[in-house]
Amino acid sequence: MDIIDHIKFVIDKIRPFLVSDGGDVEFIKYENGIVYVKLIGSCANCAYGDSEIKDTIESILTSEIPEVLEVRNIASE
């Protein structure tokens, strides 16, 4: 499994948690150790969106995939 497929696989494991709150996450790209995602649904407008990225998605991805250094929400750039 290449790194992008691995990232998408891990995101798919996280997805049910977000969907249960009315949101979702979309993988955009992986570049230089950074995974770019976009929060959608209720997650997109949530005041806690950036902390959701860091505390949940980034934490899980960096622990499962050593090449991943950071996760960024493209909506906040």
N, C-alpha and C. Protein backbone atom coordinates (compact mmCIF):
# COMPACT_ATOMS: atom_id res chain seq x y z
N MET A 1 0.86 -1.19 0.00
CA MET A 1 0.00 0.00 0.00
C MET A 1 0.90 1.24 0.00
N ASP A 2 0.67 2.15 -0.94
CA ASP A 2 1.48 3.37 -0.95
C ASP A 2 0.95 4.33 0.12
N ILE A 3 1.70 5.40 0.35
CA ILE A 3 1.37 6.30 1.47
C ILE A 3 0.01 6.98 1.30
N ILE A 4 -0.35 7.37 0.10
CA ILE A 4 -1.65 8.03 -0.10
C ILE A 4 -2.79 7.06 0.17
N ASP A 5 -2.65 5.83 -0.29
CA ASP A 5 -3.67 4.82 0.01
C ASP A 5 -3.75 4.55 1.50
N HIS A 6 -2.60 4.55 2.17
CA HIS A 6 -2.58 4.33 3.62
C HIS A 6 -3.27 5.49 4.34
N ILE A 7 -3.01 6.72 3.91
CA ILE A 7 -3.66 7.89 4.51
C ILE A 7 -5.17 7.80 4.33
N LYS A 8 -5.61 7.48 3.13
CA LYS A 8 -7.05 7.36 2.87
C LYS A 8 -7.68 6.24 3.69
N PHE A 9 -6.95 5.15 3.87
CA PHE A 9 -7.43 4.03 4.69
C PHE A 9 -7.64 4.47 6.13
N VAL A 10 -6.67 5.20 6.68
CA VAL A 10 -6.79 5.67 8.07
C VAL A 10 -7.92 6.70 8.19
N ILE A 11 -8.04 7.60 7.23
CA ILE A 11 -9.13 8.58 7.25
C ILE A 11 -10.48 7.86 7.23
N ASP A 12 -10.58 6.79 6.45
CA ASP A 12 -11.83 6.03 6.39
C ASP A 12 -12.16 5.40 7.74
N LYS A 13 -11.15 5.09 8.55
CA LYS A 13 -11.39 4.56 9.90
C LYS A 13 -11.92 5.65 10.82
N ILE A 14 -11.50 6.90 10.60
CA ILE A 14 -11.92 8.04 11.43
C ILE A 14 -13.31 8.53 11.01
N ARG A 15 -13.63 8.39 9.74
CA ARG A 15 -14.84 8.95 9.15
C ARG A 15 -16.13 8.68 9.94
N PRO A 16 -16.40 7.46 10.41
CA PRO A 16 -17.66 7.22 11.12
C PRO A 16 -17.85 8.13 12.34
N PHE A 17 -16.78 8.46 13.01
CA PHE A 17 -16.84 9.37 14.15
C PHE A 17 -17.35 10.75 13.72
N LEU A 18 -16.82 11.25 12.60
CA LEU A 18 -17.23 12.56 12.09
C LEU A 18 -18.65 12.54 11.54
N VAL A 19 -18.97 11.48 10.81
CA VAL A 19 -20.31 11.35 10.22
C VAL A 19 -21.38 11.29 11.30
N SER A 20 -21.07 10.66 12.43
CA SER A 20 -22.05 10.58 13.52
C SER A 20 -22.40 11.95 14.09
N ASP A 21 -21.51 12.94 13.88
CA ASP A 21 -21.77 14.31 14.31
C ASP A 21 -22.26 15.19 13.16
N GLY A 22 -22.56 14.58 12.00
CA GLY A 22 -23.08 15.33 10.86
C GLY A 22 -22.02 15.93 9.96
N GLY A 23 -20.78 15.54 10.14
CA GLY A 23 -19.70 16.09 9.32
C GLY A 23 -18.98 15.00 8.55
N ASP A 24 -17.86 15.40 7.98
CA ASP A 24 -17.03 14.46 7.25
C ASP A 24 -15.70 15.15 6.96
N VAL A 25 -14.77 14.39 6.41
CA VAL A 25 -13.47 14.93 6.03
C VAL A 25 -13.14 14.41 4.64
N GLU A 26 -12.57 15.29 3.83
CA GLU A 26 -12.18 14.93 2.47
C GLU A 26 -10.66 15.05 2.35
N PHE A 27 -10.01 14.00 1.89
CA PHE A 27 -8.58 14.04 1.62
C PHE A 27 -8.37 14.88 0.37
N ILE A 28 -7.44 15.85 0.45
CA ILE A 28 -7.14 16.70 -0.70
C ILE A 28 -5.81 16.28 -1.34
N LYS A 29 -4.74 16.27 -0.54
CA LYS A 29 -3.44 15.87 -1.07
C LYS A 29 -2.46 15.60 0.07
N TYR A 30 -1.36 14.96 -0.30
CA TYR A 30 -0.24 14.72 0.61
C TYR A 30 0.99 15.29 -0.06
N GLU A 31 1.72 16.15 0.67
CA GLU A 31 2.88 16.81 0.09
C GLU A 31 3.89 17.15 1.18
N ASN A 32 5.12 16.70 1.04
CA ASN A 32 6.21 17.03 1.97
C ASN A 32 5.86 16.75 3.43
N GLY A 33 5.24 15.60 3.68
CA GLY A 33 4.91 15.21 5.04
C GLY A 33 3.63 15.82 5.59
N ILE A 34 2.96 16.62 4.79
CA ILE A 34 1.74 17.30 5.24
C ILE A 34 0.54 16.73 4.49
N VAL A 35 -0.48 16.37 5.25
CA VAL A 35 -1.74 15.91 4.68
C VAL A 35 -2.70 17.09 4.69
N TYR A 36 -3.25 17.39 3.53
CA TYR A 36 -4.22 18.48 3.40
C TYR A 36 -5.61 17.86 3.29
N VAL A 37 -6.50 18.32 4.16
CA VAL A 37 -7.87 17.81 4.18
C VAL A 37 -8.83 18.99 4.17
N LYS A 38 -10.09 18.67 3.92
CA LYS A 38 -11.14 19.68 3.99
C LYS A 38 -12.27 19.10 4.82
N LEU A 39 -12.64 19.81 5.87
CA LEU A 39 -13.79 19.40 6.67
C LEU A 39 -15.05 19.80 5.94
N ILE A 40 -16.03 18.92 5.94
CA ILE A 40 -17.29 19.21 5.25
C ILE A 40 -18.47 18.90 6.18
N GLY A 41 -19.65 19.31 5.76
CA GLY A 41 -20.83 19.12 6.60
C GLY A 41 -20.75 20.01 7.83
N SER A 42 -21.29 19.53 8.93
CA SER A 42 -21.30 20.34 10.15
C SER A 42 -19.89 20.61 10.66
N CYS A 43 -18.92 19.78 10.31
CA CYS A 43 -17.54 20.00 10.74
C CYS A 43 -16.93 21.25 10.10
N ALA A 44 -17.39 21.58 8.90
CA ALA A 44 -16.84 22.73 8.18
C ALA A 44 -17.11 24.04 8.92
N ASN A 45 -18.25 24.14 9.56
CA ASN A 45 -18.63 25.37 10.24
C ASN A 45 -18.46 25.31 11.76
N CYS A 46 -17.90 24.24 12.23
CA CYS A 46 -17.75 24.04 13.66
C CYS A 46 -16.59 24.89 14.20
N ALA A 47 -16.84 25.52 15.33
CA ALA A 47 -15.80 26.34 15.96
C ALA A 47 -14.61 25.49 16.41
N TYR A 48 -14.83 24.20 16.55
CA TYR A 48 -13.77 23.30 17.00
C TYR A 48 -13.12 22.54 15.86
N GLY A 49 -13.35 22.96 14.62
CA GLY A 49 -12.82 22.26 13.45
C GLY A 49 -11.32 22.11 13.47
N ASP A 50 -10.60 23.20 13.76
CA ASP A 50 -9.14 23.12 13.77
C ASP A 50 -8.63 22.22 14.89
N SER A 51 -9.28 22.26 16.04
CA SER A 51 -8.84 21.36 17.12
C SER A 51 -9.20 19.92 16.79
N GLU A 52 -10.29 19.71 16.06
CA GLU A 52 -10.66 18.36 15.60
C GLU A 52 -9.57 17.82 14.68
N ILE A 53 -9.07 18.68 13.81
CA ILE A 53 -7.98 18.29 12.91
C ILE A 53 -6.75 17.88 13.72
N LYS A 54 -6.33 18.72 14.63
CA LYS A 54 -5.10 18.48 15.38
C LYS A 54 -5.27 17.36 16.40
N ASP A 55 -6.33 17.41 17.19
CA ASP A 55 -6.49 16.48 18.29
C ASP A 55 -6.89 15.07 17.86
N THR A 56 -7.58 14.96 16.76
CA THR A 56 -8.07 13.65 16.34
C THR A 56 -7.38 13.16 15.07
N ILE A 57 -7.61 13.85 13.97
CA ILE A 57 -7.12 13.37 12.68
C ILE A 57 -5.60 13.36 12.64
N GLU A 58 -4.98 14.47 13.01
CA GLU A 58 -3.51 14.53 12.99
C GLU A 58 -2.90 13.54 13.96
N SER A 59 -3.46 13.45 15.14
CA SER A 59 -2.93 12.53 16.15
C SER A 59 -2.93 11.09 15.65
N ILE A 60 -4.03 10.68 15.05
CA ILE A 60 -4.15 9.30 14.56
C ILE A 60 -3.23 9.07 13.35
N LEU A 61 -3.25 10.00 12.39
CA LEU A 61 -2.42 9.81 11.20
C LEU A 61 -0.93 9.79 11.54
N THR A 62 -0.47 10.70 12.39
CA THR A 62 0.95 10.73 12.72
C THR A 62 1.38 9.52 13.53
N SER A 63 0.48 8.96 14.32
CA SER A 63 0.85 7.77 15.09
C SER A 63 0.86 6.51 14.23
N GLU A 64 0.02 6.47 13.19
CA GLU A 64 -0.06 5.28 12.34
C GLU A 64 0.83 5.34 11.11
N ILE A 65 1.20 6.55 10.68
CA ILE A 65 2.01 6.71 9.46
C ILE A 65 3.16 7.66 9.79
N PRO A 66 4.36 7.12 10.01
CA PRO A 66 5.50 7.96 10.43
C PRO A 66 5.86 9.08 9.45
N GLU A 67 5.56 8.90 8.17
CA GLU A 67 5.88 9.94 7.18
C GLU A 67 5.01 11.17 7.30
N VAL A 68 3.87 11.04 7.94
CA VAL A 68 2.96 12.18 8.12
C VAL A 68 3.44 13.01 9.31
N LEU A 69 3.72 14.27 9.04
CA LEU A 69 4.21 15.18 10.07
C LEU A 69 3.14 16.12 10.60
N GLU A 70 2.16 16.42 9.75
CA GLU A 70 1.14 17.41 10.11
C GLU A 70 -0.09 17.21 9.23
N VAL A 71 -1.23 17.67 9.73
CA VAL A 71 -2.46 17.68 8.95
C VAL A 71 -2.99 19.11 8.96
N ARG A 72 -3.33 19.61 7.78
CA ARG A 72 -3.84 20.97 7.65
C ARG A 72 -5.21 20.97 6.98
N ASN A 73 -6.07 21.81 7.49
CA ASN A 73 -7.39 22.03 6.91
C ASN A 73 -7.27 23.11 5.87
N ILE A 74 -7.57 22.80 4.61
CA ILE A 74 -7.40 23.82 3.56
C ILE A 74 -8.33 25.01 3.74
N ALA A 75 -9.44 24.82 4.44
CA ALA A 75 -10.37 25.92 4.66
C ALA A 75 -9.77 26.99 5.55
N SER A 76 -8.78 26.64 6.37
CA SER A 76 -8.21 27.61 7.30
C SER A 76 -6.95 28.28 6.75
N GLU A 77 -6.60 28.00 5.49
CA GLU A 77 -5.41 28.61 4.91
C GLU A 77 -5.76 29.83 4.09
